[in-house]
């Protein structure tokens, strides 16, 4: 059975968030947020796979770098959010076209 793994930052690591993710049939993958603790917490250690977390981080940062090539989106000149999101959709369409039309 292939379960969905949800990979989030350590900021979202709380009992309530982990429980909500488990209740929806997914597996949370979040690094521990020590919150200035000197010792480890008692109890069962939560699952964390750094390889999955690093892949997520690289993928998201790559998408942000592609988005930064569009200066109008980077500086956000538009005051209306609908127009900004329309231009974002257009930018992602251009990124996908560039990727698929290369071969």
PDB file of N, CA and C in Angstrom:
ATOM      1  N   UNK A   1       0.841  -1.173   0.000  1.00  0.00           N
ATOM      2  CA  UNK A   1       0.000   0.000   0.000  1.00  0.00           C
ATOM      3  C   UNK A   1       0.890   1.242   0.000  1.00  0.00           C
ATOM      4  N   UNK A   2       0.707   2.102  -0.965  1.00  0.00           N
ATOM      5  CA  UNK A   2       1.517   3.309  -1.113  1.00  0.00           C
ATOM      6  C   UNK A   2       0.789   4.481  -0.459  1.00  0.00           C
ATOM      7  N   UNK A   3       1.308   4.966   0.658  1.00  0.00           N
ATOM      8  CA  UNK A   3       0.676   6.082   1.352  1.00  0.00           C
ATOM      9  C   UNK A   3       1.328   7.399   0.955  1.00  0.00           C
ATOM     10  N   UNK A   4       0.571   8.468   1.061  1.00  0.00           N
ATOM     11  CA  UNK A   4       1.054   9.793   0.741  1.00  0.00           C
ATOM     12  C   UNK A   4       1.866  10.337   1.900  1.00  0.00           C
ATOM     13  N   UNK A   5       3.028  10.885   1.596  1.00  0.00           N
ATOM     14  CA  UNK A   5       3.888  11.490   2.607  1.00  0.00           C
ATOM     15  C   UNK A   5       3.789  12.997   2.468  1.00  0.00           C
ATOM     16  N   UNK A   6       3.458  13.677   3.561  1.00  0.00           N
ATOM     17  CA  UNK A   6       3.361  15.129   3.589  1.00  0.00           C
ATOM     18  C   UNK A   6       4.638  15.662   4.215  1.00  0.00           C
ATOM     19  N   UNK A   7       5.406  16.423   3.451  1.00  0.00           N
ATOM     20  CA  UNK A   7       6.670  16.954   3.927  1.00  0.00           C
ATOM     21  C   UNK A   7       6.518  18.445   4.195  1.00  0.00           C
ATOM     22  N   UNK A   8       6.674  18.844   5.459  1.00  0.00           N
ATOM     23  CA  UNK A   8       6.513  20.240   5.865  1.00  0.00           C
ATOM     24  C   UNK A   8       7.728  20.702   6.664  1.00  0.00           C
ATOM     25  N   UNK A   9       7.847  22.010   6.839  1.00  0.00           N
ATOM     26  CA  UNK A   9       8.926  22.574   7.643  1.00  0.00           C
ATOM     27  C   UNK A   9       8.689  22.272   9.122  1.00  0.00           C
ATOM     28  N   UNK A  10       9.741  22.462   9.922  1.00  0.00           N
ATOM     29  CA  UNK A  10       9.651  22.217  11.350  1.00  0.00           C
ATOM     30  C   UNK A  10       8.708  23.156  12.079  1.00  0.00           C
ATOM     31  N   UNK A  11       8.375  24.273  11.470  1.00  0.00           N
ATOM     32  CA  UNK A  11       7.456  25.228  12.088  1.00  0.00           C
ATOM     33  C   UNK A  11       6.090  24.588  12.310  1.00  0.00           C
ATOM     34  N   UNK A  12       5.687  23.701  11.418  1.00  0.00           N
ATOM     35  CA  UNK A  12       4.369  23.069  11.487  1.00  0.00           C
ATOM     36  C   UNK A  12       4.362  21.819  12.348  1.00  0.00           C
ATOM     37  N   UNK A  13       5.474  21.506  12.979  1.00  0.00           N
ATOM     38  CA  UNK A  13       5.573  20.298  13.772  1.00  0.00           C
ATOM     39  C   UNK A  13       4.905  20.513  15.127  1.00  0.00           C
ATOM     40  N   UNK A  14       3.687  20.075  15.238  1.00  0.00           N
ATOM     41  CA  UNK A  14       2.959  20.120  16.506  1.00  0.00           C
ATOM     42  C   UNK A  14       2.078  18.877  16.585  1.00  0.00           C
ATOM     43  N   UNK A  15       1.629  18.581  17.770  1.00  0.00           N
ATOM     44  CA  UNK A  15       0.800  17.395  17.963  1.00  0.00           C
ATOM     45  C   UNK A  15      -0.497  17.504  17.160  1.00  0.00           C
ATOM     46  N   UNK A  16      -1.093  18.695  17.150  1.00  0.00           N
ATOM     47  CA  UNK A  16      -2.367  18.887  16.435  1.00  0.00           C
ATOM     48  C   UNK A  16      -2.181  18.698  14.930  1.00  0.00           C
ATOM     49  N   UNK A  17      -1.111  19.233  14.361  1.00  0.00           N
ATOM     50  CA  UNK A  17      -0.876  19.085  12.915  1.00  0.00           C
ATOM     51  C   UNK A  17      -0.582  17.640  12.541  1.00  0.00           C
ATOM     52  N   UNK A  18       0.244  16.968  13.347  1.00  0.00           N
ATOM     53  CA  UNK A  18       0.540  15.554  13.061  1.00  0.00           C
ATOM     54  C   UNK A  18      -0.732  14.708  13.140  1.00  0.00           C
ATOM     55  N   UNK A  19      -1.563  14.974  14.139  1.00  0.00           N
ATOM     56  CA  UNK A  19      -2.795  14.217  14.296  1.00  0.00           C
ATOM     57  C   UNK A  19      -3.731  14.452  13.118  1.00  0.00           C
ATOM     58  N   UNK A  20      -3.839  15.711  12.661  1.00  0.00           N
ATOM     59  CA  UNK A  20      -4.702  16.018  11.521  1.00  0.00           C
ATOM     60  C   UNK A  20      -4.214  15.313  10.253  1.00  0.00           C
ATOM     61  N   UNK A  21      -2.900  15.264  10.071  1.00  0.00           N
ATOM     62  CA  UNK A  21      -2.340  14.586   8.889  1.00  0.00           C
ATOM     63  C   UNK A  21      -2.600  13.082   8.973  1.00  0.00           C
ATOM     64  N   UNK A  22      -2.368  12.481  10.158  1.00  0.00           N
ATOM     65  CA  UNK A  22      -2.627  11.049  10.338  1.00  0.00           C
ATOM     66  C   UNK A  22      -4.097  10.725  10.110  1.00  0.00           C
ATOM     67  N   UNK A  23      -5.008  11.570  10.615  1.00  0.00           N
ATOM     68  CA  UNK A  23      -6.440  11.307  10.475  1.00  0.00           C
ATOM     69  C   UNK A  23      -6.899  11.341   9.028  1.00  0.00           C
ATOM     70  N   UNK A  24      -6.157  11.990   8.164  1.00  0.00           N
ATOM     71  CA  UNK A  24      -6.502  12.033   6.741  1.00  0.00           C
ATOM     72  C   UNK A  24      -5.804  10.929   5.947  1.00  0.00           C
ATOM     73  N   UNK A  25      -5.146  10.011   6.649  1.00  0.00           N
ATOM     74  CA  UNK A  25      -4.541   8.851   6.012  1.00  0.00           C
ATOM     75  C   UNK A  25      -3.196   9.127   5.368  1.00  0.00           C
ATOM     76  N   UNK A  26      -2.500  10.171   5.811  1.00  0.00           N
ATOM     77  CA  UNK A  26      -1.192  10.507   5.262  1.00  0.00           C
ATOM     78  C   UNK A  26      -0.128  10.364   6.343  1.00  0.00           C
ATOM     79  N   UNK A  27       1.134  10.382   5.920  1.00  0.00           N
ATOM     80  CA  UNK A  27       2.256  10.263   6.843  1.00  0.00           C
ATOM     81  C   UNK A  27       2.990  11.603   6.888  1.00  0.00           C
ATOM     82  N   UNK A  28       3.132  12.213   8.083  1.00  0.00           N
ATOM     83  CA  UNK A  28       3.863  13.480   8.161  1.00  0.00           C
ATOM     84  C   UNK A  28       5.374  13.257   8.144  1.00  0.00           C
ATOM     85  N   UNK A  29       6.092  14.125   7.438  1.00  0.00           N
ATOM     86  CA  UNK A  29       7.553  14.089   7.400  1.00  0.00           C
ATOM     87  C   UNK A  29       8.041  15.501   7.722  1.00  0.00           C
ATOM     88  N   UNK A  30       8.245  15.760   9.023  1.00  0.00           N
ATOM     89  CA  UNK A  30       8.640  17.087   9.477  1.00  0.00           C
ATOM     90  C   UNK A  30       9.832  16.964  10.417  1.00  0.00           C
ATOM     91  N   UNK A  31      10.833  17.843  10.265  1.00  0.00           N
ATOM     92  CA  UNK A  31      11.938  17.813  11.224  1.00  0.00           C
ATOM     93  C   UNK A  31      11.462  18.306  12.585  1.00  0.00           C
ATOM     94  N   UNK A  32      12.129  17.847  13.620  1.00  0.00           N
ATOM     95  CA  UNK A  32      11.739  18.247  14.969  1.00  0.00           C
ATOM     96  C   UNK A  32      12.124  19.703  15.207  1.00  0.00           C
ATOM     97  N   UNK A  33      11.202  20.456  15.766  1.00  0.00           N
ATOM     98  CA  UNK A  33      11.468  21.827  16.170  1.00  0.00           C
ATOM     99  C   UNK A  33      11.734  21.787  17.674  1.00  0.00           C
ATOM    100  N   UNK A  34      12.985  21.930  18.061  1.00  0.00           N
ATOM    101  CA  UNK A  34      13.362  21.734  19.471  1.00  0.00           C
ATOM    102  C   UNK A  34      12.830  22.819  20.389  1.00  0.00           C
ATOM    103  N   UNK A  35      12.564  23.988  19.880  1.00  0.00           N
ATOM    104  CA  UNK A  35      12.019  25.097  20.685  1.00  0.00           C
ATOM    105  C   UNK A  35      12.859  25.345  21.933  1.00  0.00           C
ATOM    106  N   UNK A  36      14.160  25.503  21.721  1.00  0.00           N
ATOM    107  CA  UNK A  36      15.128  25.818  22.794  1.00  0.00           C
ATOM    108  C   UNK A  36      15.206  24.740  23.879  1.00  0.00           C
ATOM    109  N   UNK A  37      14.919  23.487  23.532  1.00  0.00           N
ATOM    110  CA  UNK A  37      15.053  22.390  24.476  1.00  0.00           C
ATOM    111  C   UNK A  37      16.490  21.909  24.505  1.00  0.00           C
ATOM    112  N   UNK A  38      16.968  21.569  25.690  1.00  0.00           N
ATOM    113  CA  UNK A  38      18.318  21.024  25.823  1.00  0.00           C
ATOM    114  C   UNK A  38      18.315  19.499  25.722  1.00  0.00           C
ATOM    115  N   UNK A  39      17.211  18.871  26.119  1.00  0.00           N
ATOM    116  CA  UNK A  39      17.128  17.410  26.097  1.00  0.00           C
ATOM    117  C   UNK A  39      16.056  16.976  25.105  1.00  0.00           C
ATOM    118  N   UNK A  40      16.069  15.695  24.754  1.00  0.00           N
ATOM    119  CA  UNK A  40      15.081  15.149  23.833  1.00  0.00           C
ATOM    120  C   UNK A  40      13.739  14.964  24.528  1.00  0.00           C
ATOM    121  N   UNK A  41      12.674  15.004  23.735  1.00  0.00           N
ATOM    122  CA  UNK A  41      11.345  14.760  24.278  1.00  0.00           C
ATOM    123  C   UNK A  41      11.161  13.277  24.553  1.00  0.00           C
ATOM    124  N   UNK A  42      10.353  12.967  25.545  1.00  0.00           N
ATOM    125  CA  UNK A  42      10.042  11.582  25.846  1.00  0.00           C
ATOM    126  C   UNK A  42       9.010  11.062  24.864  1.00  0.00           C
ATOM    127  N   UNK A  43       8.889   9.762  24.781  1.00  0.00           N
ATOM    128  CA  UNK A  43       7.855   9.155  23.952  1.00  0.00           C
ATOM    129  C   UNK A  43       8.402   8.669  22.623  1.00  0.00           C
ATOM    130  N   UNK A  44       7.485   8.267  21.777  1.00  0.00           N
ATOM    131  CA  UNK A  44       7.843   7.726  20.475  1.00  0.00           C
ATOM    132  C   UNK A  44       8.426   8.826  19.593  1.00  0.00           C
ATOM    133  N   UNK A  45       9.513   8.503  18.925  1.00  0.00           N
ATOM    134  CA  UNK A  45      10.163   9.485  18.055  1.00  0.00           C
ATOM    135  C   UNK A  45       9.394   9.577  16.736  1.00  0.00           C
ATOM    136  N   UNK A  46       9.070  10.799  16.282  1.00  0.00           N
ATOM    137  CA  UNK A  46       8.323  10.934  15.022  1.00  0.00           C
ATOM    138  C   UNK A  46       9.182  10.573  13.817  1.00  0.00           C
ATOM    139  N   UNK A  47       8.513  10.074  12.772  1.00  0.00           N
ATOM    140  CA  UNK A  47       9.223   9.691  11.560  1.00  0.00           C
ATOM    141  C   UNK A  47       9.717  10.934  10.839  1.00  0.00           C
ATOM    142  N   UNK A  48      10.988  10.938  10.438  1.00  0.00           N
ATOM    143  CA  UNK A  48      11.532  12.017   9.625  1.00  0.00           C
ATOM    144  C   UNK A  48      12.601  11.428   8.726  1.00  0.00           C
ATOM    145  N   UNK A  49      12.405  11.580   7.404  1.00  0.00           N
ATOM    146  CA  UNK A  49      13.380  11.111   6.426  1.00  0.00           C
ATOM    147  C   UNK A  49      13.990  12.337   5.752  1.00  0.00           C
ATOM    148  N   UNK A  50      15.257  12.639   6.043  1.00  0.00           N
ATOM    149  CA  UNK A  50      15.874  13.847   5.495  1.00  0.00           C
ATOM    150  C   UNK A  50      15.959  13.858   3.969  1.00  0.00           C
ATOM    151  N   UNK A  51      16.068  12.697   3.336  1.00  0.00           N
ATOM    152  CA  UNK A  51      16.177  12.652   1.870  1.00  0.00           C
ATOM    153  C   UNK A  51      14.894  13.181   1.217  1.00  0.00           C
ATOM    154  N   UNK A  52      13.745  12.804   1.757  1.00  0.00           N
ATOM    155  CA  UNK A  52      12.470  13.290   1.220  1.00  0.00           C
ATOM    156  C   UNK A  52      12.354  14.788   1.441  1.00  0.00           C
ATOM    157  N   UNK A  53      12.763  15.243   2.612  1.00  0.00           N
ATOM    158  CA  UNK A  53      12.680  16.668   2.937  1.00  0.00           C
ATOM    159  C   UNK A  53      13.596  17.489   2.019  1.00  0.00           C
ATOM    160  N   UNK A  54      14.813  17.011   1.764  1.00  0.00           N
ATOM    161  CA  UNK A  54      15.742  17.737   0.895  1.00  0.00           C
ATOM    162  C   UNK A  54      15.239  17.798  -0.537  1.00  0.00           C
ATOM    163  N   UNK A  55      14.642  16.715  -1.032  1.00  0.00           N
ATOM    164  CA  UNK A  55      14.093  16.711  -2.398  1.00  0.00           C
ATOM    165  C   UNK A  55      12.974  17.726  -2.519  1.00  0.00           C
ATOM    166  N   UNK A  56      12.114  17.813  -1.514  1.00  0.00           N
ATOM    167  CA  UNK A  56      11.040  18.798  -1.511  1.00  0.00           C
ATOM    168  C   UNK A  56      11.612  20.209  -1.524  1.00  0.00           C
ATOM    169  N   UNK A  57      12.628  20.437  -0.716  1.00  0.00           N
ATOM    170  CA  UNK A  57      13.236  21.762  -0.629  1.00  0.00           C
ATOM    171  C   UNK A  57      13.851  22.172  -1.965  1.00  0.00           C
ATOM    172  N   UNK A  58      14.580  21.246  -2.600  1.00  0.00           N
ATOM    173  CA  UNK A  58      15.204  21.567  -3.902  1.00  0.00           C
ATOM    174  C   UNK A  58      14.151  21.849  -4.964  1.00  0.00           C
ATOM    175  N   UNK A  59      13.088  21.073  -4.976  1.00  0.00           N
ATOM    176  CA  UNK A  59      12.025  21.267  -5.969  1.00  0.00           C
ATOM    177  C   UNK A  59      11.359  22.624  -5.796  1.00  0.00           C
ATOM    178  N   UNK A  60      11.020  22.978  -4.589  1.00  0.00           N
ATOM    179  CA  UNK A  60      10.345  24.253  -4.339  1.00  0.00           C
ATOM    180  C   UNK A  60      11.264  25.423  -4.640  1.00  0.00           C
ATOM    181  N   UNK A  61      12.514  25.340  -4.239  1.00  0.00           N
ATOM    182  CA  UNK A  61      13.452  26.437  -4.509  1.00  0.00           C
ATOM    183  C   UNK A  61      13.683  26.599  -6.014  1.00  0.00           C
ATOM    184  N   UNK A  62      13.688  25.499  -6.749  1.00  0.00           N
ATOM    185  CA  UNK A  62      13.852  25.574  -8.204  1.00  0.00           C
ATOM    186  C   UNK A  62      12.666  26.280  -8.844  1.00  0.00           C
ATOM    187  N   UNK A  63      11.462  25.987  -8.373  1.00  0.00           N
ATOM    188  CA  UNK A  63      10.267  26.647  -8.899  1.00  0.00           C
ATOM    189  C   UNK A  63      10.307  28.142  -8.593  1.00  0.00           C
ATOM    190  N   UNK A  64      10.726  28.507  -7.382  1.00  0.00           N
ATOM    191  CA  UNK A  64      10.832  29.926  -7.039  1.00  0.00           C
ATOM    192  C   UNK A  64      11.871  30.624  -7.912  1.00  0.00           C
ATOM    193  N   UNK A  65      12.964  29.949  -8.227  1.00  0.00           N
ATOM    194  CA  UNK A  65      13.988  30.545  -9.092  1.00  0.00           C
ATOM    195  C   UNK A  65      13.438  30.766 -10.500  1.00  0.00           C
ATOM    196  N   UNK A  66      12.655  29.825 -11.011  1.00  0.00           N
ATOM    197  CA  UNK A  66      12.039  30.011 -12.333  1.00  0.00           C
ATOM    198  C   UNK A  66      11.069  31.185 -12.300  1.00  0.00           C
ATOM    199  N   UNK A  67      10.322  31.288 -11.212  1.00  0.00           N
ATOM    200  CA  UNK A  67       9.353  32.371 -11.093  1.00  0.00           C
ATOM    201  C   UNK A  67      10.047  33.733 -10.998  1.00  0.00           C
ATOM    202  N   UNK A  68      11.220  33.771 -10.390  1.00  0.00           N
ATOM    203  CA  UNK A  68      11.950  35.030 -10.225  1.00  0.00           C
ATOM    204  C   UNK A  68      12.464  35.595 -11.544  1.00  0.00           C
ATOM    205  N   UNK A  69      12.450  34.801 -12.602  1.00  0.00           N
ATOM    206  CA  UNK A  69      12.885  35.307 -13.902  1.00  0.00           C
ATOM    207  C   UNK A  69      11.876  36.289 -14.490  1.00  0.00           C
ATOM    208  N   UNK A  70      10.657  36.274 -13.983  1.00  0.00           N
ATOM    209  CA  UNK A  70       9.623  37.189 -14.455  1.00  0.00           C
ATOM    210  C   UNK A  70       9.573  38.380 -13.496  1.00  0.00           C
ATOM    211  N   UNK A  71      10.165  39.492 -13.931  1.00  0.00           N
ATOM    212  CA  UNK A  71      10.346  40.647 -13.053  1.00  0.00           C
ATOM    213  C   UNK A  71       9.025  41.212 -12.544  1.00  0.00           C
ATOM    214  N   UNK A  72       8.021  41.186 -13.370  1.00  0.00           N
ATOM    215  CA  UNK A  72       6.731  41.734 -12.963  1.00  0.00           C
ATOM    216  C   UNK A  72       6.138  40.943 -11.802  1.00  0.00           C
ATOM    217  N   UNK A  73       6.373  39.642 -11.768  1.00  0.00           N
ATOM    218  CA  UNK A  73       5.905  38.830 -10.651  1.00  0.00           C
ATOM    219  C   UNK A  73       6.778  39.015  -9.422  1.00  0.00           C
ATOM    220  N   UNK A  74       8.061  39.216  -9.656  1.00  0.00           N
ATOM    221  CA  UNK A  74       8.999  39.360  -8.550  1.00  0.00           C
ATOM    222  C   UNK A  74       8.720  40.621  -7.748  1.00  0.00           C
ATOM    223  N   UNK A  75       8.446  41.716  -8.437  1.00  0.00           N
ATOM    224  CA  UNK A  75       8.219  42.991  -7.761  1.00  0.00           C
ATOM    225  C   UNK A  75       6.764  43.220  -7.384  1.00  0.00           C
ATOM    226  N   UNK A  76       5.855  42.481  -7.996  1.00  0.00           N
ATOM    227  CA  UNK A  76       4.414  42.559  -7.751  1.00  0.00           C
ATOM    228  C   UNK A  76       3.893  43.986  -7.906  1.00  0.00           C
ATOM    229  N   UNK A  77       3.805  44.395  -9.158  1.00  0.00           N
ATOM    230  CA  UNK A  77       3.279  45.714  -9.477  1.00  0.00           C
ATOM    231  C   UNK A  77       1.765  45.785  -9.339  1.00  0.00           C
ATOM    232  N   UNK A  78       1.078  44.670  -9.544  1.00  0.00           N
ATOM    233  CA  UNK A  78      -0.376  44.669  -9.570  1.00  0.00           C
ATOM    234  C   UNK A  78      -0.951  44.800  -8.175  1.00  0.00           C
ATOM    235  N   UNK A  79      -1.990  45.595  -8.068  1.00  0.00           N
ATOM    236  CA  UNK A  79      -2.668  45.738  -6.773  1.00  0.00           C
ATOM    237  C   UNK A  79      -3.789  44.720  -6.632  1.00  0.00           C
ATOM    238  N   UNK A  80      -4.347  44.311  -7.758  1.00  0.00           N
ATOM    239  CA  UNK A  80      -5.428  43.319  -7.721  1.00  0.00           C
ATOM    240  C   UNK A  80      -4.831  41.915  -7.705  1.00  0.00           C
ATOM    241  N   UNK A  81      -5.266  41.119  -6.741  1.00  0.00           N
ATOM    242  CA  UNK A  81      -4.693  39.784  -6.616  1.00  0.00           C
ATOM    243  C   UNK A  81      -5.089  38.884  -7.788  1.00  0.00           C
ATOM    244  N   UNK A  82      -6.287  39.104  -8.375  1.00  0.00           N
ATOM    245  CA  UNK A  82      -6.702  38.268  -9.509  1.00  0.00           C
ATOM    246  C   UNK A  82      -5.756  38.462 -10.686  1.00  0.00           C
ATOM    247  N   UNK A  83      -5.351  39.689 -10.925  1.00  0.00           N
ATOM    248  CA  UNK A  83      -4.425  39.960 -12.028  1.00  0.00           C
ATOM    249  C   UNK A  83      -3.055  39.357 -11.750  1.00  0.00           C
ATOM    250  N   UNK A  84      -2.616  39.452 -10.502  1.00  0.00           N
ATOM    251  CA  UNK A  84      -1.317  38.869 -10.138  1.00  0.00           C
ATOM    252  C   UNK A  84      -1.333  37.351 -10.356  1.00  0.00           C
ATOM    253  N   UNK A  85      -2.397  36.688  -9.922  1.00  0.00           N
ATOM    254  CA  UNK A  85      -2.477  35.234 -10.093  1.00  0.00           C
ATOM    255  C   UNK A  85      -2.650  34.841 -11.559  1.00  0.00           C
ATOM    256  N   UNK A  86      -3.306  35.685 -12.343  1.00  0.00           N
ATOM    257  CA  UNK A  86      -3.414  35.418 -13.781  1.00  0.00           C
ATOM    258  C   UNK A  86      -2.036  35.494 -14.433  1.00  0.00           C
ATOM    259  N   UNK A  87      -1.241  36.494 -14.049  1.00  0.00           N
ATOM    260  CA  UNK A  87       0.111  36.601 -14.603  1.00  0.00           C
ATOM    261  C   UNK A  87       0.999  35.451 -14.128  1.00  0.00           C
ATOM    262  N   UNK A  88       0.760  34.997 -12.892  1.00  0.00           N
ATOM    263  CA  UNK A  88       1.503  33.837 -12.390  1.00  0.00           C
ATOM    264  C   UNK A  88       1.174  32.597 -13.216  1.00  0.00           C
ATOM    265  N   UNK A  89      -0.088  32.405 -13.537  1.00  0.00           N
ATOM    266  CA  UNK A  89      -0.496  31.271 -14.366  1.00  0.00           C
ATOM    267  C   UNK A  89       0.133  31.351 -15.748  1.00  0.00           C
ATOM    268  N   UNK A  90       0.172  32.546 -16.297  1.00  0.00           N
ATOM    269  CA  UNK A  90       0.811  32.742 -17.595  1.00  0.00           C
ATOM    270  C   UNK A  90       2.303  32.427 -17.532  1.00  0.00           C
ATOM    271  N   UNK A  91       2.957  32.845 -16.459  1.00  0.00           N
ATOM    272  CA  UNK A  91       4.390  32.564 -16.298  1.00  0.00           C
ATOM    273  C   UNK A  91       4.638  31.059 -16.192  1.00  0.00           C
ATOM    274  N   UNK A  92       3.822  30.352 -15.406  1.00  0.00           N
ATOM    275  CA  UNK A  92       3.990  28.899 -15.281  1.00  0.00           C
ATOM    276  C   UNK A  92       3.702  28.195 -16.599  1.00  0.00           C
ATOM    277  N   UNK A  93       2.767  28.720 -17.372  1.00  0.00           N
ATOM    278  CA  UNK A  93       2.497  28.160 -18.691  1.00  0.00           C
ATOM    279  C   UNK A  93       3.711  28.319 -19.594  1.00  0.00           C
ATOM    280  N   UNK A  94       4.337  29.491 -19.547  1.00  0.00           N
ATOM    281  CA  UNK A  94       5.538  29.730 -20.361  1.00  0.00           C
ATOM    282  C   UNK A  94       6.693  28.833 -19.916  1.00  0.00           C
ATOM    283  N   UNK A  95       6.831  28.625 -18.606  1.00  0.00           N
ATOM    284  CA  UNK A  95       7.873  27.734 -18.092  1.00  0.00           C
ATOM    285  C   UNK A  95       7.634  26.316 -18.599  1.00  0.00           C
ATOM    286  N   UNK A  96       6.394  25.840 -18.531  1.00  0.00           N
ATOM    287  CA  UNK A  96       6.085  24.492 -19.001  1.00  0.00           C
ATOM    288  C   UNK A  96       6.279  24.356 -20.496  1.00  0.00           C
ATOM    289  N   UNK A  97       5.865  25.353 -21.256  1.00  0.00           N
ATOM    290  CA  UNK A  97       6.061  25.303 -22.712  1.00  0.00           C
ATOM    291  C   UNK A  97       7.541  25.244 -23.059  1.00  0.00           C
ATOM    292  N   UNK A  98       8.341  26.030 -22.376  1.00  0.00           N
ATOM    293  CA  UNK A  98       9.780  26.033 -22.626  1.00  0.00           C
ATOM    294  C   UNK A  98      10.363  24.656 -22.328  1.00  0.00           C
ATOM    295  N   UNK A  99       9.877  24.027 -21.273  1.00  0.00           N
ATOM    296  CA  UNK A  99      10.386  22.705 -20.892  1.00  0.00           C
ATOM    297  C   UNK A  99       9.960  21.629 -21.907  1.00  0.00           C
ATOM    298  N   UNK A 100       8.688  21.633 -22.310  1.00  0.00           N
ATOM    299  CA  UNK A 100       8.180  20.585 -23.183  1.00  0.00           C
ATOM    300  C   UNK A 100       8.552  20.769 -24.652  1.00  0.00           C
ATOM    301  N   UNK A 101       8.824  22.003 -25.059  1.00  0.00           N
ATOM    302  CA  UNK A 101       9.151  22.254 -26.468  1.00  0.00           C
ATOM    303  C   UNK A 101      10.638  22.107 -26.775  1.00  0.00           C
ATOM    304  N   UNK A 102      11.465  21.843 -25.765  1.00  0.00           N
ATOM    305  CA  UNK A 102      12.902  21.692 -26.007  1.00  0.00           C
ATOM    306  C   UNK A 102      13.232  20.410 -26.745  1.00  0.00           C
ATOM    307  N   UNK A 103      12.492  19.361 -26.511  1.00  0.00           N
ATOM    308  CA  UNK A 103      12.824  18.073 -27.143  1.00  0.00           C
ATOM    309  C   UNK A 103      12.159  17.873 -28.467  1.00  0.00           C
TER     310      UNK A 103
END
